[in-house]
Amino acid sequence: MKTLTRNNNDAMSAESSVEIHGIVKEGFEAVREAFAENFSKRREVGAACCVYHKGEKVVDLWGGVRNVATGELWGKDTMALVYSTTKGLSAMTLAIAHSRGWLDYDALVSRYWAEFAQNGKEKITVRQLLAHQAGLFAFDEPVDKNIVADLDRLAEVMARQKPEWEPGTRQAYHAITLGFYESELLRRIDPEHRSLGQFFHDEIATPLGLDFYINLPEAIPDSRLAPLINPSPSEMLFGFPLRMTLAVWNHRSPLYRALMVNPGSALPHDEQRIYTRNLEVPSGSGVGTARAIAQAYSVFATGGKELGLREETLQELTASAIPAAQGFYDECMKGEVEFSLGFMKSCPNWSFGNLGSFGSPGAGGSLGFADPQAQIGYGYIPNRIGTTMTGDPRDVAIRKALYSATPII
């Protein structure tokens, strides 16, 4: 077992090897080795990873410390906040709506949500909105936790919001707002008018038996949750690309307005309960296991019969992303990133899986994705927040080992 101690920067250092738990199918042993090396070489503290291949669970690993304050270990069913990895699970709900004939990705948003057609949003399509091309990455009106919890009030704010620029011309990561727009759109087309988090629970998590929540309930005990470990001040200053650091400090920048304020990325946190309960932030409040993420993506990677997905929907998800008029350059992320239908697509600046893969990474290092070509569903969750923007070294090492495995070559 690994003994962990705090250093002056509140990071954790290992004094001996960590005991790795779980299973690895023959042929995937390299994944276990890479996962173990994360603890000895890449400053992993607590983490889990899971892989499904052709519908079969072939890797299910966990290890390290769940709670550094108490020394409690990461268990089989430990869950953690995954920030924007949530976006991929949220996008799955709209894919189901598409398969049920409720949603046309190329229709105007206002076809389903009449009040949306205000202040320059009349011609925004669902596809543009889900690709972060609507210019709606921030709110001008004050939005706090109380408004987020009141879906009707939030819908009124979103309906009045004016795009930052002509929709479809530029791309800017809707870091927090995207999920709110998705949820209201889903409420309008679902015959039961459920929120996105409730729809996910009813139509995806419950049928598949997933330990993943977009709206974390009171019933989940704190003992199952892994508190996140923030980077040190020096890691925050020097770990991120300079252009990102400058954008975070610039209160007028799209990134600052999209991520840091009104309502900001701290909504899912609760000092008393580790994570906020009974509050939906579909872009970033997902809490769950790596196993749940991998299993959900496995269904999407192997035909989707368990969720009633149509082939037409899966073809849409695997198709190449369509750029804004000015290309894939993202005004928030300060680089080229490809998005489609609520998911991130594998692209030169952020590659994962094979051509056609789709998923979503989360701030700090988590990642989930489907690779239909290799029939892989993947999930990785750490509790130490990393500062790499285009693939955390811990996750990259695991995926490199995975794609070198003989069974999938």
Protein backbone atom coordinates (compact mmCIF):
# COMPACT_ATOMS: atom_id res chain seq x y z
CA MET A 1 0.00 0.00 0.00
CA LYS A 2 1.15 3.51 -0.75
CA THR A 3 1.83 5.91 2.09
CA LEU A 4 0.98 9.50 1.22
CA THR A 5 2.11 12.69 2.86
CA ARG A 6 1.38 16.35 2.21
CA ASN A 7 4.21 18.50 0.96
CA ASN A 8 4.38 22.28 1.20
CA ASN A 9 2.31 22.65 -1.95
CA ASP A 10 -0.46 20.36 -0.66
CA ALA A 11 0.31 17.90 -3.42
CA MET A 12 0.75 14.23 -2.56
CA SER A 13 3.94 12.18 -2.83
CA ALA A 14 4.26 8.41 -2.84
CA GLU A 15 6.67 6.56 -0.55
CA SER A 16 5.89 3.04 -1.77
CA SER A 17 3.90 1.30 -4.44
CA VAL A 18 0.10 1.45 -4.61
CA GLU A 19 -2.07 -1.64 -4.54
CA ILE A 20 -4.08 -1.77 -7.75
CA HIS A 21 -7.51 -3.41 -7.57
CA GLY A 22 -9.85 -4.75 -10.21
CA ILE A 23 -9.67 -6.93 -13.30
CA VAL A 24 -7.86 -6.99 -16.62
CA LYS A 25 -8.66 -9.47 -19.36
CA GLU A 26 -5.80 -11.36 -20.99
CA GLY A 27 -4.21 -9.20 -23.67
CA PHE A 28 -4.86 -5.92 -21.85
CA GLU A 29 -2.18 -6.27 -19.17
CA ALA A 30 -0.33 -3.22 -20.49
CA VAL A 31 -3.25 -1.05 -19.40
CA ARG A 32 -2.81 -2.19 -15.81
CA GLU A 33 0.91 -1.46 -16.01
CA ALA A 34 0.28 2.06 -17.31
CA PHE A 35 -2.36 2.68 -14.64
CA ALA A 36 0.07 1.54 -11.92
CA GLU A 37 2.86 3.69 -13.38
CA ASN A 38 0.62 6.74 -13.04
CA PHE A 39 1.02 6.43 -9.27
CA SER A 40 4.79 5.91 -9.33
CA LYS A 41 5.72 8.25 -12.20
CA ARG A 42 2.90 10.74 -12.78
CA ARG A 43 1.84 11.77 -9.28
CA GLU A 44 -1.52 10.02 -9.34
CA VAL A 45 -3.26 10.06 -5.94
CA GLY A 46 -6.52 8.22 -6.47
CA ALA A 47 -8.12 7.12 -9.73
CA ALA A 48 -10.12 4.58 -11.69
CA CYS A 49 -10.22 3.51 -15.32
CA CYS A 50 -12.49 1.16 -17.21
CA VAL A 51 -12.66 -0.16 -20.77
CA TYR A 52 -15.34 -2.09 -22.61
CA HIS A 53 -14.41 -3.84 -25.87
CA LYS A 54 -17.09 -5.28 -28.13
CA GLY A 55 -19.56 -4.94 -25.26
CA GLU A 56 -17.39 -6.84 -22.78
CA LYS A 57 -15.72 -5.24 -19.77
CA VAL A 58 -12.02 -5.94 -20.28
CA VAL A 59 -10.44 -3.43 -17.89
CA ASP A 60 -11.84 -2.28 -14.54
CA LEU A 61 -9.16 -0.81 -12.26
CA TRP A 62 -8.98 1.47 -9.25
CA GLY A 63 -6.41 2.39 -6.64
CA GLY A 64 -4.86 5.02 -4.42
CA VAL A 65 -6.44 7.36 -1.90
CA ARG A 66 -10.01 8.57 -2.14
CA ASN A 67 -9.81 11.24 0.55
CA VAL A 68 -6.39 12.73 1.32
CA ALA A 69 -7.68 14.38 4.50
CA THR A 70 -8.60 11.05 6.07
CA GLY A 71 -6.38 8.63 4.14
CA GLU A 72 -9.40 6.56 3.07
CA LEU A 73 -8.71 4.47 -0.01
CA TRP A 74 -10.40 4.61 -3.39
CA GLY A 75 -12.94 1.80 -3.51
CA LYS A 76 -14.66 -0.17 -6.23
CA ASP A 77 -17.68 2.15 -6.22
CA THR A 78 -15.96 5.49 -5.46
CA MET A 79 -17.38 8.34 -7.50
CA ALA A 80 -15.89 11.71 -8.40
CA LEU A 81 -16.89 14.95 -10.09
CA VAL A 82 -15.84 14.88 -13.75
CA TYR A 83 -16.59 18.47 -14.83
CA SER A 84 -16.98 18.68 -18.64
CA THR A 85 -16.78 14.94 -19.13
CA THR A 86 -20.44 15.36 -18.14
CA LYS A 87 -21.07 16.99 -21.53
CA GLY A 88 -20.74 13.67 -23.32
CA LEU A 89 -23.26 11.95 -21.06
CA SER A 90 -25.61 14.92 -21.50
CA ALA A 91 -25.29 14.75 -25.29
CA MET A 92 -26.40 11.13 -25.13
CA THR A 93 -29.85 12.27 -24.02
CA LEU A 94 -30.32 14.35 -27.17
CA ALA A 95 -29.08 11.43 -29.27
CA ILE A 96 -31.87 9.32 -27.78
CA ALA A 97 -34.34 12.12 -28.55
CA HIS A 98 -33.07 12.12 -32.14
CA SER A 99 -33.54 8.35 -32.40
CA ARG A 100 -37.10 8.69 -31.11
CA GLY A 101 -37.90 11.23 -33.78
CA TRP A 102 -38.34 14.11 -31.34
CA LEU A 103 -35.36 16.13 -32.58
CA ASP A 104 -33.87 17.10 -35.93
CA TYR A 105 -30.27 18.27 -35.53
CA ASP A 106 -30.64 20.59 -38.53
CA ALA A 107 -33.88 22.20 -37.39
CA LEU A 108 -34.02 25.65 -35.84
CA VAL A 109 -33.92 25.63 -32.06
CA SER A 110 -36.99 27.87 -32.15
CA ARG A 111 -38.97 25.09 -33.84
CA TYR A 112 -39.03 23.38 -30.45
CA TRP A 113 -38.61 26.40 -28.18
CA ALA A 114 -40.51 29.36 -29.60
CA GLU A 115 -39.33 31.89 -27.00
CA PHE A 116 -35.73 31.22 -28.02
CA ALA A 117 -36.25 33.24 -31.21
CA GLN A 118 -35.29 36.59 -29.68
CA ASN A 119 -32.39 39.03 -29.97
CA GLY A 120 -30.66 37.50 -32.97
CA LYS A 121 -31.20 33.80 -32.17
CA GLU A 122 -33.95 33.23 -34.71
CA LYS A 123 -31.80 31.30 -37.20
CA ILE A 124 -29.68 29.21 -34.81
CA THR A 125 -29.92 25.50 -35.59
CA VAL A 126 -29.68 22.70 -33.07
CA ARG A 127 -26.47 21.56 -34.76
CA GLN A 128 -24.88 25.01 -34.38
CA LEU A 129 -25.88 25.25 -30.74
CA LEU A 130 -24.44 21.82 -29.92
CA ALA A 131 -21.20 22.68 -31.76
CA HIS A 132 -20.55 25.79 -29.62
CA GLN A 133 -21.21 28.01 -32.63
CA ALA A 134 -24.22 29.97 -31.32
CA GLY A 135 -22.28 32.74 -29.55
CA LEU A 136 -24.11 31.96 -26.30
CA PHE A 137 -21.12 31.06 -24.14
CA ALA A 138 -21.96 33.55 -21.33
CA PHE A 139 -24.93 35.18 -19.64
CA ASP A 140 -25.38 38.94 -19.54
CA GLU A 141 -28.07 38.79 -16.84
CA PRO A 142 -27.07 37.66 -13.33
CA VAL A 143 -27.37 33.88 -12.93
CA ASP A 144 -26.76 32.25 -9.55
CA LYS A 145 -27.54 28.90 -7.92
CA ASN A 146 -31.14 29.91 -7.22
CA ILE A 147 -31.83 30.66 -10.87
CA VAL A 148 -30.07 27.48 -11.99
CA ALA A 149 -32.38 25.54 -9.66
CA ASP A 150 -35.49 27.22 -11.12
CA LEU A 151 -35.69 25.89 -14.67
CA ASP A 152 -38.51 28.20 -15.71
CA ARG A 153 -36.61 31.33 -14.62
CA LEU A 154 -33.43 30.04 -16.23
CA ALA A 155 -35.30 29.43 -19.49
CA GLU A 156 -36.49 33.04 -19.51
CA VAL A 157 -32.92 34.29 -19.07
CA MET A 158 -31.68 32.08 -21.90
CA ALA A 159 -34.52 33.16 -24.19
CA ARG A 160 -33.55 36.83 -23.70
CA GLN A 161 -29.80 36.29 -24.11
CA LYS A 162 -28.23 37.96 -27.14
CA PRO A 163 -25.48 36.11 -29.07
CA GLU A 164 -22.00 37.57 -28.76
CA TRP A 165 -21.65 37.54 -32.55
CA GLU A 166 -23.57 36.32 -35.56
CA PRO A 167 -24.36 32.66 -34.87
CA GLY A 168 -22.53 30.21 -37.08
CA THR A 169 -19.63 32.50 -37.84
CA ARG A 170 -17.29 31.66 -34.94
CA GLN A 171 -16.77 29.00 -32.29
CA ALA A 172 -16.45 29.60 -28.55
CA TYR A 173 -16.64 26.86 -25.92
CA HIS A 174 -19.98 27.09 -24.08
CA ALA A 175 -18.29 25.76 -20.93
CA ILE A 176 -21.25 26.09 -18.57
CA THR A 177 -24.15 27.40 -20.64
CA LEU A 178 -24.36 24.59 -23.20
CA GLY A 179 -25.92 22.13 -20.77
CA PHE A 180 -28.58 24.60 -19.67
CA TYR A 181 -29.65 25.17 -23.29
CA GLU A 182 -29.62 21.41 -23.93
CA SER A 183 -31.76 20.74 -20.88
CA GLU A 184 -34.39 23.32 -21.83
CA LEU A 185 -34.47 22.00 -25.39
CA LEU A 186 -35.00 18.48 -24.05
CA ARG A 187 -37.74 19.69 -21.70
CA ARG A 188 -39.58 21.11 -24.71
CA ILE A 189 -39.44 17.93 -26.81
CA ASP A 190 -39.82 15.24 -24.13
CA PRO A 191 -43.51 14.30 -23.80
CA GLU A 192 -42.96 14.16 -20.01
CA HIS A 193 -41.08 17.51 -19.99
CA ARG A 194 -38.24 16.12 -17.88
CA SER A 195 -35.02 18.00 -17.19
CA LEU A 196 -31.89 16.61 -18.78
CA GLY A 197 -30.62 15.18 -15.50
CA GLN A 198 -33.90 13.41 -14.82
CA PHE A 199 -34.11 12.13 -18.38
CA PHE A 200 -30.56 10.78 -18.12
CA HIS A 201 -31.42 9.01 -14.86
CA ASP A 202 -34.65 7.51 -16.23
CA GLU A 203 -33.62 6.61 -19.76
CA ILE A 204 -29.88 5.87 -19.56
CA ALA A 205 -28.55 5.37 -16.02
CA THR A 206 -31.39 3.22 -14.69
CA PRO A 207 -31.79 0.86 -17.69
CA LEU A 208 -28.01 0.33 -17.87
CA GLY A 209 -27.46 0.23 -14.09
CA LEU A 210 -24.97 3.12 -14.13
CA ASP A 211 -23.51 4.83 -11.06
CA PHE A 212 -23.56 8.28 -12.62
CA TYR A 213 -25.63 11.33 -11.74
CA ILE A 214 -26.02 14.72 -13.39
CA ASN A 215 -28.22 15.67 -10.43
CA LEU A 216 -26.48 14.09 -7.41
CA PRO A 217 -29.13 12.98 -4.88
CA GLU A 218 -28.98 13.23 -1.10
CA ALA A 219 -29.03 9.44 -0.86
CA ILE A 220 -25.41 9.11 -2.01
CA PRO A 221 -23.20 9.11 1.13
CA ASP A 222 -20.09 11.27 1.33
CA SER A 223 -18.09 8.08 1.92
CA ARG A 224 -18.52 7.19 -1.75
CA LEU A 225 -17.27 10.55 -3.03
CA ALA A 226 -13.67 11.50 -3.81
CA PRO A 227 -12.89 15.15 -2.99
CA LEU A 228 -10.83 16.76 -5.73
CA ILE A 229 -7.28 17.96 -5.08
CA ASN A 230 -6.59 21.38 -6.55
CA PRO A 231 -3.31 22.23 -8.28
CA SER A 232 -0.78 24.26 -6.33
CA PRO A 233 -0.44 27.99 -7.15
CA SER A 234 2.72 27.28 -9.14
CA GLU A 235 0.99 24.52 -11.10
CA MET A 236 -1.88 26.88 -11.87
CA LEU A 237 0.53 29.58 -13.00
CA PHE A 238 2.92 27.48 -15.07
CA GLY A 239 0.91 24.34 -15.90
CA PHE A 240 -1.57 25.86 -18.31
CA PRO A 241 -0.57 27.35 -21.68
CA LEU A 242 0.31 31.02 -21.35
CA ARG A 243 -2.54 32.10 -23.62
CA MET A 244 -5.01 30.31 -21.35
CA THR A 245 -3.56 31.83 -18.20
CA LEU A 246 -3.80 35.31 -19.68
CA ALA A 247 -7.40 34.69 -20.74
CA VAL A 248 -8.37 33.56 -17.24
CA TRP A 249 -7.01 36.80 -15.78
CA ASN A 250 -8.70 38.96 -18.40
CA HIS A 251 -12.20 39.63 -17.11
CA ARG A 252 -13.38 40.58 -20.58
CA SER A 253 -12.14 37.44 -22.30
CA PRO A 254 -14.63 34.85 -23.58
CA LEU A 255 -12.97 32.17 -21.43
CA TYR A 256 -13.33 34.16 -18.21
CA ARG A 257 -16.95 34.99 -18.94
CA ALA A 258 -17.76 31.43 -20.01
CA LEU A 259 -16.09 29.58 -17.16
CA MET A 260 -15.23 31.74 -14.19
CA VAL A 261 -18.32 33.84 -13.43
CA ASN A 262 -22.10 34.08 -13.63
CA PRO A 263 -22.62 31.31 -12.54
CA GLY A 264 -19.04 29.93 -12.72
CA SER A 265 -17.59 26.44 -12.45
CA ALA A 266 -17.85 26.18 -8.64
CA LEU A 267 -21.57 25.34 -8.70
CA PRO A 268 -21.06 21.56 -8.28
CA HIS A 269 -18.99 21.99 -5.09
CA ASP A 270 -20.32 22.06 -1.54
CA GLU A 271 -18.02 22.59 1.43
CA GLN A 272 -20.27 20.57 3.73
CA ARG A 273 -21.20 17.68 1.42
CA ILE A 274 -18.19 17.55 -0.97
CA TYR A 275 -20.46 17.97 -4.01
CA THR A 276 -23.70 19.91 -4.40
CA ARG A 277 -26.86 17.85 -4.17
CA ASN A 278 -30.06 18.26 -6.19
CA LEU A 279 -28.69 20.80 -8.64
CA GLU A 280 -28.28 20.19 -12.36
CA VAL A 281 -25.39 21.66 -14.31
CA PRO A 282 -25.48 19.41 -17.38
CA SER A 283 -22.20 20.83 -18.67
CA GLY A 284 -20.22 20.06 -15.56
CA SER A 285 -21.92 18.57 -12.49
CA GLY A 286 -21.69 14.88 -13.37
CA VAL A 287 -20.57 12.61 -10.54
CA GLY A 288 -19.96 8.93 -11.10
CA THR A 289 -17.59 6.04 -11.67
CA ALA A 290 -15.24 5.40 -14.56
CA ARG A 291 -17.08 2.12 -15.00
CA ALA A 292 -20.37 3.92 -15.61
CA ILE A 293 -18.82 6.25 -18.17
CA ALA A 294 -17.16 3.40 -20.06
CA GLN A 295 -20.32 1.30 -20.07
CA ALA A 296 -22.48 4.14 -21.40
CA TYR A 297 -20.03 4.85 -24.21
CA SER A 298 -19.75 1.12 -24.92
CA VAL A 299 -23.44 1.05 -25.80
CA PHE A 300 -22.89 3.92 -28.25
CA ALA A 301 -19.82 2.17 -29.68
CA THR A 302 -21.57 -1.14 -30.35
CA GLY A 303 -24.84 -0.22 -32.03
CA GLY A 304 -26.90 1.23 -29.17
CA LYS A 305 -29.62 -1.44 -29.13
CA GLU A 306 -29.90 -1.28 -25.33
CA LEU A 307 -31.05 2.34 -25.62
CA GLY A 308 -33.02 2.05 -28.83
CA LEU A 309 -30.56 4.08 -30.90
CA ARG A 310 -31.16 4.15 -34.64
CA GLU A 311 -28.39 3.66 -37.18
CA GLU A 312 -29.12 7.14 -38.54
CA THR A 313 -28.31 8.64 -35.15
CA LEU A 314 -25.06 6.73 -34.82
CA GLN A 315 -24.05 7.84 -38.31
CA GLU A 316 -24.62 11.45 -37.26
CA LEU A 317 -22.44 10.99 -34.17
CA THR A 318 -19.54 9.41 -36.07
CA ALA A 319 -19.64 11.90 -38.95
CA SER A 320 -17.00 14.61 -39.21
CA ALA A 321 -17.62 17.85 -37.35
CA ILE A 322 -18.83 20.82 -39.39
CA PRO A 323 -16.81 24.00 -38.77
CA ALA A 324 -18.15 27.49 -38.21
CA ALA A 325 -17.71 29.95 -41.08
CA GLN A 326 -14.34 31.00 -39.62
CA GLY A 327 -13.23 27.44 -38.88
CA PHE A 328 -12.64 25.38 -35.74
CA TYR A 329 -10.56 28.00 -33.93
CA ASP A 330 -12.15 28.35 -30.50
CA GLU A 331 -12.30 31.85 -29.01
CA CYS A 332 -12.33 30.43 -25.47
CA MET A 333 -9.84 27.58 -25.79
CA LYS A 334 -7.43 29.61 -27.96
CA GLY A 335 -6.83 26.79 -30.40
CA GLU A 336 -8.57 24.52 -32.88
CA VAL A 337 -11.02 22.06 -31.32
CA GLU A 338 -13.78 20.11 -33.05
CA PHE A 339 -17.25 19.70 -31.58
CA SER A 340 -20.34 17.99 -32.95
CA LEU A 341 -23.80 17.30 -31.51
CA GLY A 342 -22.71 18.01 -27.93
CA PHE A 343 -19.58 15.85 -28.08
CA MET A 344 -15.94 16.63 -28.71
CA LYS A 345 -14.55 14.87 -31.76
CA SER A 346 -11.09 13.39 -31.98
CA CYS A 347 -8.99 16.02 -33.78
CA PRO A 348 -5.31 16.91 -34.29
CA ASN A 349 -5.10 19.08 -31.17
CA TRP A 350 -7.01 16.60 -28.98
CA SER A 351 -6.93 13.07 -30.32
CA PHE A 352 -8.51 9.96 -28.86
CA GLY A 353 -9.56 6.66 -30.39
CA ASN A 354 -9.96 6.20 -34.13
CA LEU A 355 -11.62 8.26 -36.84
CA GLY A 356 -15.27 8.76 -35.89
CA SER A 357 -14.69 8.62 -32.14
CA PHE A 358 -16.68 11.01 -29.98
CA GLY A 359 -16.66 11.86 -26.27
CA SER A 360 -15.73 14.62 -23.87
CA PRO A 361 -12.79 15.39 -21.58
CA GLY A 362 -13.17 17.15 -18.27
CA ALA A 363 -11.05 19.77 -16.53
CA GLY A 364 -8.53 18.02 -14.33
CA GLY A 365 -7.93 14.98 -16.51
CA SER A 366 -11.06 12.83 -16.75
CA LEU A 367 -12.20 11.49 -20.12
CA GLY A 368 -14.94 9.37 -21.60
CA PHE A 369 -15.39 8.40 -25.25
CA ALA A 370 -16.83 5.92 -27.72
CA ASP A 371 -14.73 4.46 -30.52
CA PRO A 372 -17.20 2.68 -32.82
CA GLN A 373 -14.43 1.55 -35.18
CA ALA A 374 -12.70 -0.44 -32.42
CA GLN A 375 -15.97 -0.94 -30.48
CA ILE A 376 -14.47 0.61 -27.36
CA GLY A 377 -16.13 2.46 -24.50
CA TYR A 378 -13.62 4.23 -22.25
CA GLY A 379 -13.71 6.03 -18.90
CA TYR A 380 -10.97 7.50 -16.69
CA ILE A 381 -11.39 9.54 -13.50
CA PRO A 382 -8.67 10.96 -11.19
CA ASN A 383 -9.05 13.05 -8.04
CA ARG A 384 -5.85 15.10 -8.46
CA ILE A 385 -6.63 17.90 -10.89
CA GLY A 386 -4.10 18.12 -13.70
CA THR A 387 -3.33 21.24 -15.71
CA THR A 388 -2.76 19.88 -19.20
CA MET A 389 -5.20 21.15 -21.81
CA THR A 390 -4.86 18.61 -24.64
CA GLY A 391 -4.72 15.25 -22.93
CA ASP A 392 -3.61 14.58 -19.36
CA PRO A 393 -0.35 12.53 -19.29
CA ARG A 394 -1.99 9.97 -16.99
CA ASP A 395 -4.89 9.39 -19.35
CA VAL A 396 -2.66 9.48 -22.43
CA ALA A 397 -0.46 6.75 -20.97
CA ILE A 398 -3.47 4.52 -20.32
CA ARG A 399 -4.89 5.04 -23.81
CA LYS A 400 -1.52 4.42 -25.46
CA ALA A 401 -1.32 1.10 -23.64
CA LEU A 402 -4.92 0.29 -24.53
CA TYR A 403 -4.48 0.86 -28.24
CA SER A 404 -1.32 -1.24 -28.25
CA ALA A 405 -3.26 -4.21 -26.90
CA THR A 406 -3.30 -7.18 -29.25
CA PRO A 407 -7.08 -7.86 -29.01
CA ILE A 408 -7.99 -4.52 -30.63
CA ILE A 409 -5.23 -4.16 -33.23
